[in-house]
Amino acid sequence: MQELWAEKVVKSGIVRGKQRYKCRSCCYFFVEGDERTNESVAALRALCVLFYSLGKSSYGMLGKIIGRDRSLIYRWIRKRD
C-alpha cells in the first residue's frame, strides 16, 4: 500500500511550515495532517447541529439565520466526528 502511494504522490514544497504533496493522478495538492480549525465556525456548526437535532429547524432555515448555504449546513450536520 505504501509503495502504491509513493508512486502517485510527490512532494511539492512547504506550506504553513508543513510538507505539501501533489497527487499525480488527479493533480490535487494537499498537506498531510492539516487540521486547521476556526472556533467561530465550530461554534456555528455546533449550534446548527443542536437546533436540528431538537427538531426545531430545517437546513434552509438554519442557513438563512447564520447566512450560509443550506448545503453547507447539511454537510455540517451529517459529518461524523
N, C-alpha and C. Protein backbone atom coordinates (compact mmCIF):
# COMPACT_ATOMS: atom_id res chain seq x y z
N MET A 1 0.83 -1.19 0.00
CA MET A 1 0.00 0.00 0.00
C MET A 1 0.87 1.25 0.00
N GLN A 2 1.89 1.28 0.83
CA GLN A 2 2.77 2.43 0.91
C GLN A 2 3.50 2.65 -0.42
N GLU A 3 3.87 1.57 -1.11
CA GLU A 3 4.57 1.70 -2.38
C GLU A 3 3.66 2.31 -3.44
N LEU A 4 2.39 1.94 -3.45
CA LEU A 4 1.43 2.49 -4.40
C LEU A 4 1.25 3.99 -4.16
N TRP A 5 1.17 4.38 -2.89
CA TRP A 5 1.01 5.79 -2.53
C TRP A 5 2.23 6.58 -2.99
N ALA A 6 3.41 6.00 -2.83
CA ALA A 6 4.64 6.69 -3.19
C ALA A 6 4.76 6.92 -4.69
N GLU A 7 4.16 6.07 -5.50
CA GLU A 7 4.22 6.23 -6.95
C GLU A 7 3.31 7.35 -7.43
N LYS A 8 2.18 7.57 -6.77
CA LYS A 8 1.21 8.55 -7.23
C LYS A 8 1.34 9.92 -6.57
N VAL A 9 2.07 10.02 -5.47
CA VAL A 9 2.18 11.27 -4.73
C VAL A 9 3.63 11.72 -4.69
N VAL A 10 3.83 13.02 -4.98
CA VAL A 10 5.17 13.60 -4.94
C VAL A 10 5.17 14.82 -4.04
N LYS A 11 6.33 15.13 -3.48
CA LYS A 11 6.47 16.32 -2.65
C LYS A 11 6.39 17.56 -3.54
N SER A 12 5.77 18.60 -3.00
CA SER A 12 5.59 19.81 -3.81
C SER A 12 5.72 21.07 -2.95
N GLY A 13 6.79 21.19 -2.22
CA GLY A 13 7.06 22.39 -1.45
C GLY A 13 6.58 22.32 -0.01
N ILE A 14 6.64 23.47 0.66
CA ILE A 14 6.24 23.56 2.05
C ILE A 14 5.24 24.70 2.18
N VAL A 15 4.13 24.45 2.87
CA VAL A 15 3.09 25.43 3.09
C VAL A 15 2.76 25.48 4.57
N ARG A 16 2.72 26.69 5.15
CA ARG A 16 2.43 26.87 6.57
C ARG A 16 3.33 26.02 7.45
N GLY A 17 4.57 25.80 7.01
CA GLY A 17 5.53 25.04 7.78
C GLY A 17 5.35 23.53 7.70
N LYS A 18 4.49 23.05 6.81
CA LYS A 18 4.27 21.60 6.65
C LYS A 18 4.54 21.19 5.21
N GLN A 19 4.90 19.94 5.04
CA GLN A 19 5.19 19.40 3.71
C GLN A 19 3.92 19.36 2.87
N ARG A 20 4.02 19.84 1.65
CA ARG A 20 2.91 19.82 0.71
C ARG A 20 3.15 18.71 -0.30
N TYR A 21 2.06 18.01 -0.69
CA TYR A 21 2.15 16.91 -1.64
C TYR A 21 1.22 17.15 -2.82
N LYS A 22 1.51 16.47 -3.92
CA LYS A 22 0.66 16.55 -5.11
C LYS A 22 0.38 15.14 -5.61
N CYS A 23 -0.88 14.85 -5.85
CA CYS A 23 -1.27 13.55 -6.42
C CYS A 23 -1.10 13.62 -7.93
N ARG A 24 -0.35 12.70 -8.49
CA ARG A 24 -0.09 12.72 -9.92
C ARG A 24 -1.32 12.32 -10.74
N SER A 25 -2.21 11.52 -10.18
CA SER A 25 -3.35 11.06 -10.95
C SER A 25 -4.44 12.12 -11.07
N CYS A 26 -4.67 12.92 -10.01
CA CYS A 26 -5.76 13.91 -10.07
C CYS A 26 -5.26 15.35 -9.95
N CYS A 27 -3.96 15.56 -9.79
CA CYS A 27 -3.35 16.88 -9.67
C CYS A 27 -3.87 17.66 -8.47
N TYR A 28 -4.22 16.97 -7.39
CA TYR A 28 -4.73 17.60 -6.17
C TYR A 28 -3.56 17.85 -5.22
N PHE A 29 -3.46 19.06 -4.68
CA PHE A 29 -2.45 19.39 -3.69
C PHE A 29 -3.04 19.21 -2.31
N PHE A 30 -2.27 18.68 -1.37
CA PHE A 30 -2.76 18.51 -0.01
C PHE A 30 -1.60 18.56 0.97
N VAL A 31 -1.94 18.80 2.22
CA VAL A 31 -0.98 18.82 3.32
C VAL A 31 -1.40 17.72 4.27
N GLU A 32 -0.54 16.77 4.50
CA GLU A 32 -0.86 15.66 5.38
C GLU A 32 -0.94 16.14 6.82
N GLY A 33 -2.01 15.79 7.50
CA GLY A 33 -2.17 16.19 8.89
C GLY A 33 -2.63 17.62 9.05
N ASP A 34 -3.25 18.20 8.02
CA ASP A 34 -3.72 19.57 8.08
C ASP A 34 -5.03 19.62 8.84
N GLU A 35 -5.00 20.12 10.06
CA GLU A 35 -6.18 20.13 10.91
C GLU A 35 -6.48 21.54 11.39
N ARG A 36 -6.60 22.46 10.44
CA ARG A 36 -6.90 23.84 10.80
C ARG A 36 -8.35 23.93 11.27
N THR A 37 -8.58 24.69 12.30
CA THR A 37 -9.93 24.91 12.79
C THR A 37 -10.14 26.38 13.09
N ASN A 38 -11.37 26.78 13.01
CA ASN A 38 -11.74 28.14 13.33
C ASN A 38 -12.82 28.04 14.40
N GLU A 39 -12.60 28.65 15.55
CA GLU A 39 -13.52 28.49 16.68
C GLU A 39 -14.91 29.03 16.37
N SER A 40 -14.99 30.12 15.60
CA SER A 40 -16.31 30.68 15.30
C SER A 40 -17.11 29.74 14.39
N VAL A 41 -16.44 29.10 13.44
CA VAL A 41 -17.13 28.16 12.56
C VAL A 41 -17.54 26.91 13.35
N ALA A 42 -16.68 26.46 14.25
CA ALA A 42 -17.01 25.31 15.08
C ALA A 42 -18.21 25.60 15.96
N ALA A 43 -18.31 26.82 16.47
CA ALA A 43 -19.45 27.20 17.31
C ALA A 43 -20.74 27.25 16.49
N LEU A 44 -20.66 27.80 15.27
CA LEU A 44 -21.84 27.83 14.40
C LEU A 44 -22.29 26.42 14.04
N ARG A 45 -21.33 25.56 13.76
CA ARG A 45 -21.66 24.17 13.43
C ARG A 45 -22.35 23.48 14.60
N ALA A 46 -21.82 23.67 15.80
CA ALA A 46 -22.43 23.06 16.98
C ALA A 46 -23.84 23.58 17.21
N LEU A 47 -24.05 24.87 16.99
CA LEU A 47 -25.38 25.46 17.15
C LEU A 47 -26.36 24.87 16.14
N CYS A 48 -25.91 24.72 14.89
CA CYS A 48 -26.77 24.13 13.86
C CYS A 48 -27.12 22.69 14.19
N VAL A 49 -26.15 21.92 14.62
CA VAL A 49 -26.40 20.52 14.98
C VAL A 49 -27.39 20.44 16.14
N LEU A 50 -27.23 21.32 17.11
CA LEU A 50 -28.12 21.33 18.27
C LEU A 50 -29.56 21.66 17.86
N PHE A 51 -29.75 22.75 17.11
CA PHE A 51 -31.09 23.12 16.70
C PHE A 51 -31.74 22.06 15.81
N TYR A 52 -30.95 21.48 14.89
CA TYR A 52 -31.52 20.47 14.01
C TYR A 52 -31.89 19.21 14.78
N SER A 53 -31.06 18.80 15.72
CA SER A 53 -31.34 17.58 16.47
C SER A 53 -32.54 17.75 17.40
N LEU A 54 -32.81 18.96 17.83
CA LEU A 54 -34.00 19.20 18.64
C LEU A 54 -35.27 19.24 17.80
N GLY A 55 -35.12 19.25 16.49
CA GLY A 55 -36.28 19.25 15.60
C GLY A 55 -36.92 20.62 15.46
N LYS A 56 -36.17 21.65 15.78
CA LYS A 56 -36.73 22.99 15.77
C LYS A 56 -36.52 23.74 14.45
N SER A 57 -35.67 23.24 13.57
CA SER A 57 -35.41 23.98 12.34
C SER A 57 -34.96 23.06 11.22
N SER A 58 -35.03 23.61 10.01
CA SER A 58 -34.62 22.87 8.82
C SER A 58 -33.27 23.39 8.34
N TYR A 59 -32.72 22.73 7.33
CA TYR A 59 -31.44 23.16 6.77
C TYR A 59 -31.57 24.57 6.20
N GLY A 60 -32.63 24.80 5.47
CA GLY A 60 -32.84 26.11 4.85
C GLY A 60 -32.98 27.23 5.87
N MET A 61 -33.75 26.97 6.92
CA MET A 61 -33.94 28.00 7.94
C MET A 61 -32.63 28.29 8.66
N LEU A 62 -31.88 27.26 9.00
CA LEU A 62 -30.59 27.47 9.65
C LEU A 62 -29.64 28.25 8.76
N GLY A 63 -29.67 27.94 7.46
CA GLY A 63 -28.83 28.66 6.52
C GLY A 63 -29.16 30.14 6.46
N LYS A 64 -30.45 30.47 6.48
CA LYS A 64 -30.86 31.87 6.46
C LYS A 64 -30.48 32.58 7.74
N ILE A 65 -30.59 31.90 8.87
CA ILE A 65 -30.28 32.52 10.16
C ILE A 65 -28.81 32.89 10.26
N ILE A 66 -27.92 31.97 9.87
CA ILE A 66 -26.49 32.24 10.04
C ILE A 66 -25.82 32.76 8.77
N GLY A 67 -26.58 32.86 7.67
CA GLY A 67 -26.03 33.44 6.45
C GLY A 67 -25.13 32.52 5.66
N ARG A 68 -25.39 31.23 5.71
CA ARG A 68 -24.61 30.25 4.95
C ARG A 68 -25.55 29.45 4.06
N ASP A 69 -24.99 28.75 3.10
CA ASP A 69 -25.78 27.95 2.18
C ASP A 69 -26.33 26.72 2.88
N ARG A 70 -27.53 26.31 2.52
CA ARG A 70 -28.15 25.17 3.20
C ARG A 70 -27.42 23.85 2.94
N SER A 71 -26.72 23.76 1.81
CA SER A 71 -25.94 22.54 1.55
C SER A 71 -24.76 22.43 2.53
N LEU A 72 -24.19 23.57 2.92
CA LEU A 72 -23.12 23.56 3.92
C LEU A 72 -23.67 23.11 5.27
N ILE A 73 -24.86 23.59 5.63
CA ILE A 73 -25.50 23.19 6.87
C ILE A 73 -25.74 21.69 6.86
N TYR A 74 -26.19 21.17 5.73
CA TYR A 74 -26.42 19.72 5.59
C TYR A 74 -25.12 18.94 5.84
N ARG A 75 -24.02 19.39 5.24
CA ARG A 75 -22.73 18.71 5.42
C ARG A 75 -22.26 18.78 6.86
N TRP A 76 -22.46 19.93 7.51
CA TRP A 76 -22.07 20.07 8.92
C TRP A 76 -22.84 19.08 9.78
N ILE A 77 -24.12 18.95 9.54
CA ILE A 77 -24.96 18.10 10.40
C ILE A 77 -24.69 16.62 10.13
N ARG A 78 -24.47 16.26 8.90
CA ARG A 78 -24.24 14.85 8.54
C ARG A 78 -22.82 14.39 8.76
N LYS A 79 -21.89 15.30 9.00
CA LYS A 79 -20.49 14.92 9.20
C LYS A 79 -20.34 14.12 10.49
N ARG A 80 -19.63 13.03 10.39
CA ARG A 80 -19.39 12.17 11.56
C ARG A 80 -18.02 12.53 12.15
N ASP A 81 -17.99 12.84 13.42
CA ASP A 81 -16.72 13.13 14.09
C ASP A 81 -16.30 11.98 14.97
